[in-house]
Amino acid sequence: MTKIIAVTSIPDGRKNWVISVETNEPTYLKVRYVPDKLIADHVSIKNYIANSLTQTWSSPEKMILTIIEDINNELVPKWVQVFYSKNGVSITIEERQPGLENFAPPA
């Protein structure tokens, strides 16, 4: 299987990092995640997001769910959230590992 997003080991796993990557063109899309053992290469994940926005999707929800699935497959983060906004429509979808029900990342 080819890696979609290049990854490396997290520098310090004792802390809960919140990593945020966003783009404004052609759509505002923000990906936030708390890594477990792996962290995404910043250029790689930015390119992945930009490429996702250029594809044709049946709905923004389908795109967001695919992005979350790909990030889960490559990084296995503790928590991941994708925020989408275009033409006055905003959608936020998140997923978290079991045991993180009470985890609330900073706004």
Foldseek 3Di string as FASTA:
>chain_A
DDQQFDKDFDPDQVDFDWDWDWDPPPWTKIKIFTFHTIDTDRVSVNVSVVVLVVDDDPDVVVSQVVNVVSCCVRGVTQKMKMWTDDPHDIDIDMDGDPPCPVPDDDD
